Amino acid sequence: MTIKEIQEEIIDEFSMFEDWMERYEYIIELGKSLPIIDTEYKLDENLIKGCQSKVWMFSELEKDTVKFTADSDAILTKGIVALLLRVYSGQKPIDILESNTDFLDKIGLKEHLSPTRANGLVSMIKQIKMYAIAQQSKLTT
């Protein structure tokens, strides 16, 4: 699936919920399904700066796509990370770099997060894009 198709799927899923409590519960459930990150990647160098909670993220190139693994010490944040990885993990670096994050506005996520969590979300997206830049450079060298 393309990034856009996954984003549309997420928008459709979130439209089924009647209120934000149900959406929060869904995000938390997504976090529970996030594969456990290997402890070797739970290093300070993989911590995302700007997050209220601890968020570790690691990427590696698998053929010509970027595979992400991540974890957080906060259950809601872990769900947000799972949502982002669902969109971006397994995608080509150039597609990640050219994608937008409008789907987050369409599902209303940013407006329903505290300012510190919203800043953390922006930091996670920046890190995903930085990993994509790094992995793209490996493909072109």
N, C-alpha and C. Protein backbone atom coordinates (compact mmCIF):
# COMPACT_ATOMS: atom_id res chain seq x y z
N MET A 1 0.84 -1.20 0.00
CA MET A 1 0.00 0.00 0.00
C MET A 1 0.88 1.25 0.00
N THR A 2 0.38 2.28 -0.63
CA THR A 2 1.12 3.55 -0.61
C THR A 2 0.86 4.28 0.70
N ILE A 3 1.68 5.27 0.97
CA ILE A 3 1.49 6.08 2.18
C ILE A 3 0.11 6.71 2.17
N LYS A 4 -0.27 7.27 1.03
CA LYS A 4 -1.57 7.94 0.91
C LYS A 4 -2.72 6.96 1.18
N GLU A 5 -2.61 5.75 0.66
CA GLU A 5 -3.67 4.75 0.87
C GLU A 5 -3.78 4.38 2.36
N ILE A 6 -2.66 4.24 3.01
CA ILE A 6 -2.67 3.93 4.45
C ILE A 6 -3.27 5.09 5.23
N GLN A 7 -2.90 6.30 4.87
CA GLN A 7 -3.45 7.48 5.54
C GLN A 7 -4.96 7.55 5.38
N GLU A 8 -5.45 7.27 4.17
CA GLU A 8 -6.90 7.28 3.92
C GLU A 8 -7.60 6.20 4.75
N GLU A 9 -6.96 5.04 4.87
CA GLU A 9 -7.51 3.96 5.68
C GLU A 9 -7.64 4.40 7.14
N ILE A 10 -6.62 5.09 7.65
CA ILE A 10 -6.65 5.57 9.03
C ILE A 10 -7.75 6.61 9.22
N ILE A 11 -7.90 7.51 8.25
CA ILE A 11 -8.96 8.53 8.33
C ILE A 11 -10.32 7.84 8.40
N ASP A 12 -10.52 6.82 7.56
CA ASP A 12 -11.78 6.06 7.59
C ASP A 12 -12.01 5.39 8.93
N GLU A 13 -10.97 4.79 9.50
CA GLU A 13 -11.09 4.12 10.80
C GLU A 13 -11.49 5.12 11.88
N PHE A 14 -10.84 6.27 11.90
CA PHE A 14 -11.13 7.26 12.94
C PHE A 14 -12.52 7.86 12.78
N SER A 15 -13.05 7.89 11.57
CA SER A 15 -14.39 8.45 11.35
C SER A 15 -15.48 7.56 11.94
N MET A 16 -15.15 6.31 12.23
CA MET A 16 -16.14 5.38 12.80
C MET A 16 -16.39 5.65 14.28
N PHE A 17 -15.46 6.34 14.94
CA PHE A 17 -15.61 6.59 16.37
C PHE A 17 -16.45 7.83 16.61
N GLU A 18 -17.28 7.77 17.65
CA GLU A 18 -18.19 8.88 17.92
C GLU A 18 -17.56 9.99 18.73
N ASP A 19 -16.62 9.67 19.60
CA ASP A 19 -16.01 10.72 20.40
C ASP A 19 -14.52 10.45 20.60
N TRP A 20 -13.84 11.41 21.25
CA TRP A 20 -12.40 11.28 21.38
C TRP A 20 -11.97 10.26 22.42
N MET A 21 -12.82 9.94 23.35
CA MET A 21 -12.47 8.87 24.30
C MET A 21 -12.30 7.55 23.56
N GLU A 22 -13.20 7.28 22.61
CA GLU A 22 -13.09 6.05 21.82
C GLU A 22 -11.82 6.08 20.96
N ARG A 23 -11.49 7.24 20.43
CA ARG A 23 -10.29 7.37 19.60
C ARG A 23 -9.03 7.16 20.45
N TYR A 24 -9.02 7.74 21.66
CA TYR A 24 -7.86 7.53 22.55
C TYR A 24 -7.69 6.04 22.86
N GLU A 25 -8.81 5.37 23.13
CA GLU A 25 -8.76 3.94 23.42
C GLU A 25 -8.20 3.17 22.23
N TYR A 26 -8.60 3.56 21.03
CA TYR A 26 -8.11 2.92 19.82
C TYR A 26 -6.60 3.14 19.67
N ILE A 27 -6.16 4.37 19.91
CA ILE A 27 -4.73 4.68 19.82
C ILE A 27 -3.94 3.85 20.83
N ILE A 28 -4.47 3.71 22.03
CA ILE A 28 -3.81 2.90 23.06
C ILE A 28 -3.73 1.44 22.61
N GLU A 29 -4.81 0.94 22.00
CA GLU A 29 -4.80 -0.44 21.48
C GLU A 29 -3.74 -0.61 20.40
N LEU A 30 -3.59 0.40 19.54
CA LEU A 30 -2.56 0.34 18.50
C LEU A 30 -1.18 0.22 19.15
N GLY A 31 -0.97 0.94 20.24
CA GLY A 31 0.30 0.89 20.95
C GLY A 31 0.60 -0.50 21.49
N LYS A 32 -0.44 -1.19 21.92
CA LYS A 32 -0.25 -2.54 22.45
C LYS A 32 0.16 -3.51 21.35
N SER A 33 -0.18 -3.19 20.11
CA SER A 33 0.16 -4.08 19.00
C SER A 33 1.52 -3.76 18.39
N LEU A 34 2.17 -2.70 18.88
CA LEU A 34 3.48 -2.33 18.35
C LEU A 34 4.49 -3.41 18.71
N PRO A 35 5.19 -3.95 17.70
CA PRO A 35 6.20 -4.97 18.01
C PRO A 35 7.26 -4.42 18.98
N ILE A 36 7.70 -5.26 19.88
CA ILE A 36 8.67 -4.83 20.89
C ILE A 36 10.00 -4.53 20.21
N ILE A 37 10.55 -3.37 20.53
CA ILE A 37 11.83 -2.97 19.97
C ILE A 37 12.93 -3.78 20.65
N ASP A 38 13.91 -4.15 19.90
CA ASP A 38 15.05 -4.88 20.44
C ASP A 38 15.76 -3.98 21.44
N THR A 39 16.12 -4.51 22.59
CA THR A 39 16.76 -3.70 23.64
C THR A 39 18.05 -3.05 23.17
N GLU A 40 18.70 -3.62 22.16
CA GLU A 40 19.93 -3.01 21.67
C GLU A 40 19.68 -1.64 21.04
N TYR A 41 18.42 -1.33 20.69
CA TYR A 41 18.09 -0.04 20.09
C TYR A 41 17.55 0.97 21.11
N LYS A 42 17.36 0.52 22.34
CA LYS A 42 16.89 1.43 23.38
C LYS A 42 18.07 2.18 23.98
N LEU A 43 18.69 2.98 23.14
CA LEU A 43 19.86 3.76 23.51
C LEU A 43 19.52 5.24 23.51
N ASP A 44 20.30 6.02 24.25
CA ASP A 44 20.08 7.46 24.28
C ASP A 44 20.14 8.08 22.89
N GLU A 45 21.01 7.53 22.04
CA GLU A 45 21.14 8.10 20.69
C GLU A 45 19.89 7.87 19.84
N ASN A 46 19.03 6.94 20.25
CA ASN A 46 17.78 6.69 19.52
C ASN A 46 16.57 7.33 20.18
N LEU A 47 16.80 8.09 21.25
CA LEU A 47 15.71 8.82 21.90
C LEU A 47 15.34 10.02 21.05
N ILE A 48 14.05 10.27 20.91
CA ILE A 48 13.60 11.43 20.15
C ILE A 48 13.57 12.64 21.07
N LYS A 49 14.29 13.66 20.66
CA LYS A 49 14.34 14.89 21.45
C LYS A 49 13.03 15.66 21.25
N GLY A 50 12.54 16.25 22.32
CA GLY A 50 11.33 17.06 22.22
C GLY A 50 10.07 16.34 22.63
N CYS A 51 10.19 15.09 23.04
CA CYS A 51 9.02 14.34 23.50
C CYS A 51 8.96 14.39 25.02
N GLN A 52 7.76 14.55 25.53
CA GLN A 52 7.54 14.55 26.97
C GLN A 52 7.87 13.17 27.54
N SER A 53 7.46 12.14 26.83
CA SER A 53 7.74 10.76 27.22
C SER A 53 9.03 10.32 26.54
N LYS A 54 9.55 9.19 26.98
CA LYS A 54 10.70 8.62 26.30
C LYS A 54 10.20 7.87 25.08
N VAL A 55 10.77 8.20 23.93
CA VAL A 55 10.43 7.52 22.68
C VAL A 55 11.74 7.14 22.00
N TRP A 56 11.90 5.84 21.78
CA TRP A 56 13.07 5.35 21.06
C TRP A 56 12.62 4.99 19.65
N MET A 57 13.42 5.37 18.66
CA MET A 57 13.10 5.01 17.29
C MET A 57 14.39 4.64 16.57
N PHE A 58 14.28 3.59 15.77
CA PHE A 58 15.43 3.12 15.02
C PHE A 58 14.95 2.76 13.62
N SER A 59 15.80 3.00 12.63
CA SER A 59 15.43 2.62 11.26
C SER A 59 16.57 1.86 10.62
N GLU A 60 16.20 1.03 9.66
CA GLU A 60 17.20 0.34 8.86
C GLU A 60 16.65 0.17 7.46
N LEU A 61 17.56 0.09 6.52
CA LEU A 61 17.18 -0.09 5.13
C LEU A 61 17.01 -1.58 4.86
N GLU A 62 15.86 -1.94 4.34
CA GLU A 62 15.58 -3.33 3.97
C GLU A 62 15.26 -3.32 2.48
N LYS A 63 16.21 -3.76 1.68
CA LYS A 63 16.16 -3.62 0.23
C LYS A 63 16.11 -2.14 -0.09
N ASP A 64 14.97 -1.64 -0.58
CA ASP A 64 14.90 -0.21 -0.88
C ASP A 64 13.84 0.51 -0.05
N THR A 65 13.45 -0.12 1.08
CA THR A 65 12.47 0.52 1.96
C THR A 65 13.05 0.71 3.36
N VAL A 66 12.44 1.62 4.09
CA VAL A 66 12.87 1.90 5.46
C VAL A 66 11.97 1.14 6.42
N LYS A 67 12.61 0.37 7.28
CA LYS A 67 11.87 -0.36 8.31
C LYS A 67 12.15 0.34 9.64
N PHE A 68 11.07 0.73 10.31
CA PHE A 68 11.20 1.41 11.60
C PHE A 68 10.80 0.47 12.73
N THR A 69 11.49 0.62 13.85
CA THR A 69 11.05 0.01 15.10
C THR A 69 11.07 1.13 16.14
N ALA A 70 10.17 1.03 17.10
CA ALA A 70 10.08 2.10 18.10
C ALA A 70 9.42 1.58 19.37
N ASP A 71 9.53 2.39 20.41
CA ASP A 71 8.88 2.09 21.68
C ASP A 71 8.76 3.38 22.47
N SER A 72 7.88 3.38 23.44
CA SER A 72 7.73 4.52 24.34
C SER A 72 7.40 4.01 25.73
N ASP A 73 7.72 4.82 26.73
CA ASP A 73 7.38 4.46 28.10
C ASP A 73 5.98 4.94 28.49
N ALA A 74 5.29 5.62 27.58
CA ALA A 74 3.93 6.10 27.84
C ALA A 74 2.96 5.42 26.88
N ILE A 75 1.86 4.94 27.40
CA ILE A 75 0.94 4.11 26.60
C ILE A 75 0.30 4.88 25.44
N LEU A 76 -0.12 6.13 25.65
CA LEU A 76 -0.72 6.90 24.57
C LEU A 76 0.32 7.24 23.51
N THR A 77 1.50 7.62 23.95
CA THR A 77 2.58 7.96 23.02
C THR A 77 2.97 6.73 22.20
N LYS A 78 2.97 5.58 22.83
CA LYS A 78 3.28 4.34 22.13
C LYS A 78 2.26 4.10 21.01
N GLY A 79 1.01 4.43 21.27
CA GLY A 79 -0.03 4.31 20.25
C GLY A 79 0.17 5.28 19.10
N ILE A 80 0.59 6.49 19.42
CA ILE A 80 0.86 7.49 18.38
C ILE A 80 2.03 7.02 17.51
N VAL A 81 3.06 6.49 18.15
CA VAL A 81 4.20 5.95 17.41
C VAL A 81 3.73 4.81 16.51
N ALA A 82 2.89 3.93 17.02
CA ALA A 82 2.39 2.80 16.23
C ALA A 82 1.63 3.30 15.00
N LEU A 83 0.87 4.36 15.17
CA LEU A 83 0.13 4.96 14.06
C LEU A 83 1.08 5.48 12.99
N LEU A 84 2.11 6.18 13.41
CA LEU A 84 3.10 6.72 12.47
C LEU A 84 3.86 5.60 11.76
N LEU A 85 4.25 4.57 12.50
CA LEU A 85 4.99 3.47 11.89
C LEU A 85 4.13 2.69 10.90
N ARG A 86 2.85 2.62 11.20
CA ARG A 86 1.93 1.96 10.26
C ARG A 86 1.97 2.67 8.90
N VAL A 87 2.08 3.98 8.94
CA VAL A 87 2.10 4.77 7.70
C VAL A 87 3.46 4.68 7.01
N TYR A 88 4.54 4.81 7.78
CA TYR A 88 5.86 5.03 7.17
C TYR A 88 6.78 3.81 7.10
N SER A 89 6.62 2.84 7.98
CA SER A 89 7.52 1.69 7.95
C SER A 89 7.22 0.84 6.72
N GLY A 90 8.28 0.43 6.04
CA GLY A 90 8.11 -0.37 4.83
C GLY A 90 7.95 0.45 3.57
N GLN A 91 8.15 1.76 3.68
CA GLN A 91 8.02 2.65 2.52
C GLN A 91 9.39 3.06 2.01
N LYS A 92 9.45 3.49 0.77
CA LYS A 92 10.70 3.98 0.19
C LYS A 92 11.04 5.34 0.80
N PRO A 93 12.32 5.59 1.06
CA PRO A 93 12.72 6.87 1.67
C PRO A 93 12.18 8.08 0.91
N ILE A 94 12.23 8.06 -0.40
CA ILE A 94 11.77 9.21 -1.17
C ILE A 94 10.28 9.43 -0.99
N ASP A 95 9.51 8.35 -0.86
CA ASP A 95 8.06 8.48 -0.64
C ASP A 95 7.77 9.07 0.74
N ILE A 96 8.57 8.69 1.73
CA ILE A 96 8.42 9.27 3.08
C ILE A 96 8.69 10.76 3.02
N LEU A 97 9.77 11.13 2.33
CA LEU A 97 10.16 12.55 2.25
C LEU A 97 9.13 13.39 1.50
N GLU A 98 8.50 12.80 0.50
CA GLU A 98 7.53 13.55 -0.31
C GLU A 98 6.12 13.52 0.28
N SER A 99 5.90 12.74 1.31
CA SER A 99 4.56 12.62 1.89
C SER A 99 4.24 13.81 2.78
N ASN A 100 2.95 13.99 3.01
CA ASN A 100 2.54 15.01 3.98
C ASN A 100 1.85 14.33 5.15
N THR A 101 1.56 15.11 6.15
CA THR A 101 0.94 14.57 7.37
C THR A 101 -0.46 15.14 7.57
N ASP A 102 -1.12 15.50 6.49
CA ASP A 102 -2.48 16.06 6.58
C ASP A 102 -3.45 15.12 7.27
N PHE A 103 -3.20 13.82 7.16
CA PHE A 103 -4.13 12.86 7.77
C PHE A 103 -4.25 13.07 9.28
N LEU A 104 -3.18 13.58 9.91
CA LEU A 104 -3.23 13.84 11.36
C LEU A 104 -4.22 14.95 11.68
N ASP A 105 -4.28 15.95 10.79
CA ASP A 105 -5.28 17.03 10.97
C ASP A 105 -6.67 16.50 10.68
N LYS A 106 -6.79 15.66 9.66
CA LYS A 106 -8.11 15.14 9.28
C LYS A 106 -8.72 14.25 10.36
N ILE A 107 -7.88 13.54 11.11
CA ILE A 107 -8.43 12.72 12.21
C ILE A 107 -8.53 13.54 13.50
N GLY A 108 -7.99 14.78 13.49
CA GLY A 108 -8.11 15.66 14.65
C GLY A 108 -7.11 15.37 15.76
N LEU A 109 -6.06 14.63 15.45
CA LEU A 109 -5.13 14.22 16.50
C LEU A 109 -4.42 15.40 17.14
N LYS A 110 -3.83 16.26 16.33
CA LYS A 110 -3.04 17.37 16.88
C LYS A 110 -3.85 18.23 17.84
N GLU A 111 -5.10 18.52 17.47
CA GLU A 111 -5.91 19.40 18.31
C GLU A 111 -6.39 18.74 19.60
N HIS A 112 -6.28 17.41 19.67
CA HIS A 112 -6.72 16.71 20.88
C HIS A 112 -5.55 16.21 21.74
N LEU A 113 -4.36 16.72 21.46
CA LEU A 113 -3.20 16.41 22.29
C LEU A 113 -2.82 17.62 23.11
N SER A 114 -2.21 17.37 24.25
CA SER A 114 -1.68 18.48 25.04
C SER A 114 -0.55 19.12 24.23
N PRO A 115 -0.23 20.39 24.51
CA PRO A 115 0.85 21.05 23.76
C PRO A 115 2.17 20.27 23.78
N THR A 116 2.51 19.67 24.91
CA THR A 116 3.77 18.94 24.97
C THR A 116 3.71 17.66 24.14
N ARG A 117 2.56 16.98 24.12
CA ARG A 117 2.42 15.78 23.29
C ARG A 117 2.39 16.16 21.81
N ALA A 118 1.75 17.28 21.48
CA ALA A 118 1.73 17.75 20.09
C ALA A 118 3.15 18.06 19.62
N ASN A 119 3.96 18.67 20.49
CA ASN A 119 5.36 18.93 20.15
C ASN A 119 6.11 17.62 19.94
N GLY A 120 5.81 16.64 20.77
CA GLY A 120 6.43 15.33 20.63
C GLY A 120 6.06 14.67 19.32
N LEU A 121 4.81 14.83 18.91
CA LEU A 121 4.36 14.28 17.63
C LEU A 121 5.15 14.90 16.48
N VAL A 122 5.32 16.21 16.51
CA VAL A 122 6.11 16.91 15.49
C VAL A 122 7.55 16.39 15.51
N SER A 123 8.11 16.17 16.70
CA SER A 123 9.47 15.66 16.81
C SER A 123 9.59 14.25 16.23
N MET A 124 8.57 13.42 16.44
CA MET A 124 8.59 12.06 15.89
C MET A 124 8.57 12.11 14.36
N ILE A 125 7.74 12.98 13.80
CA ILE A 125 7.65 13.10 12.35
C ILE A 125 8.98 13.61 11.78
N LYS A 126 9.57 14.59 12.44
CA LYS A 126 10.88 15.10 12.00
C LYS A 126 11.92 13.99 12.00
N GLN A 127 11.91 13.16 13.04
CA GLN A 127 12.88 12.07 13.14
C GLN A 127 12.66 11.05 12.03
N ILE A 128 11.42 10.74 11.74
CA ILE A 128 11.11 9.81 10.65
C ILE A 128 11.66 10.36 9.33
N LYS A 129 11.47 11.65 9.10
CA LYS A 129 11.97 12.28 7.86
C LYS A 129 13.51 12.28 7.85
N MET A 130 14.13 12.52 9.01
CA MET A 130 15.60 12.51 9.07
C MET A 130 16.14 11.10 8.77
N TYR A 131 15.49 10.08 9.32
CA TYR A 131 15.89 8.71 9.01
C TYR A 131 15.73 8.44 7.51
N ALA A 132 14.65 8.95 6.92
CA ALA A 132 14.42 8.74 5.49
C ALA A 132 15.52 9.40 4.66
N ILE A 133 15.95 10.60 5.07
CA ILE A 133 17.05 11.29 4.38
C ILE A 133 18.32 10.43 4.47
N ALA A 134 18.62 9.94 5.66
CA ALA A 134 19.82 9.12 5.86
C ALA A 134 19.76 7.85 5.01
N GLN A 135 18.61 7.21 5.00
CA GLN A 135 18.48 5.96 4.24
C GLN A 135 18.49 6.23 2.73
N GLN A 136 17.91 7.35 2.31
CA GLN A 136 17.93 7.71 0.89
C GLN A 136 19.37 7.93 0.41
N SER A 137 20.17 8.54 1.28
CA SER A 137 21.57 8.79 0.88
C SER A 137 22.33 7.48 0.69
N LYS A 138 21.97 6.44 1.42
CA LYS A 138 22.61 5.13 1.23
C LYS A 138 22.25 4.54 -0.12
N LEU A 139 21.03 4.82 -0.59
CA LEU A 139 20.58 4.29 -1.87
C LEU A 139 21.25 4.98 -3.05
N THR A 140 21.62 6.23 -2.86
CA THR A 140 22.14 7.02 -3.98
C THR A 140 23.66 7.04 -4.01
N THR A 141 24.32 6.42 -3.02
CA THR A 141 25.79 6.42 -3.03
C THR A 141 26.34 5.11 -3.53
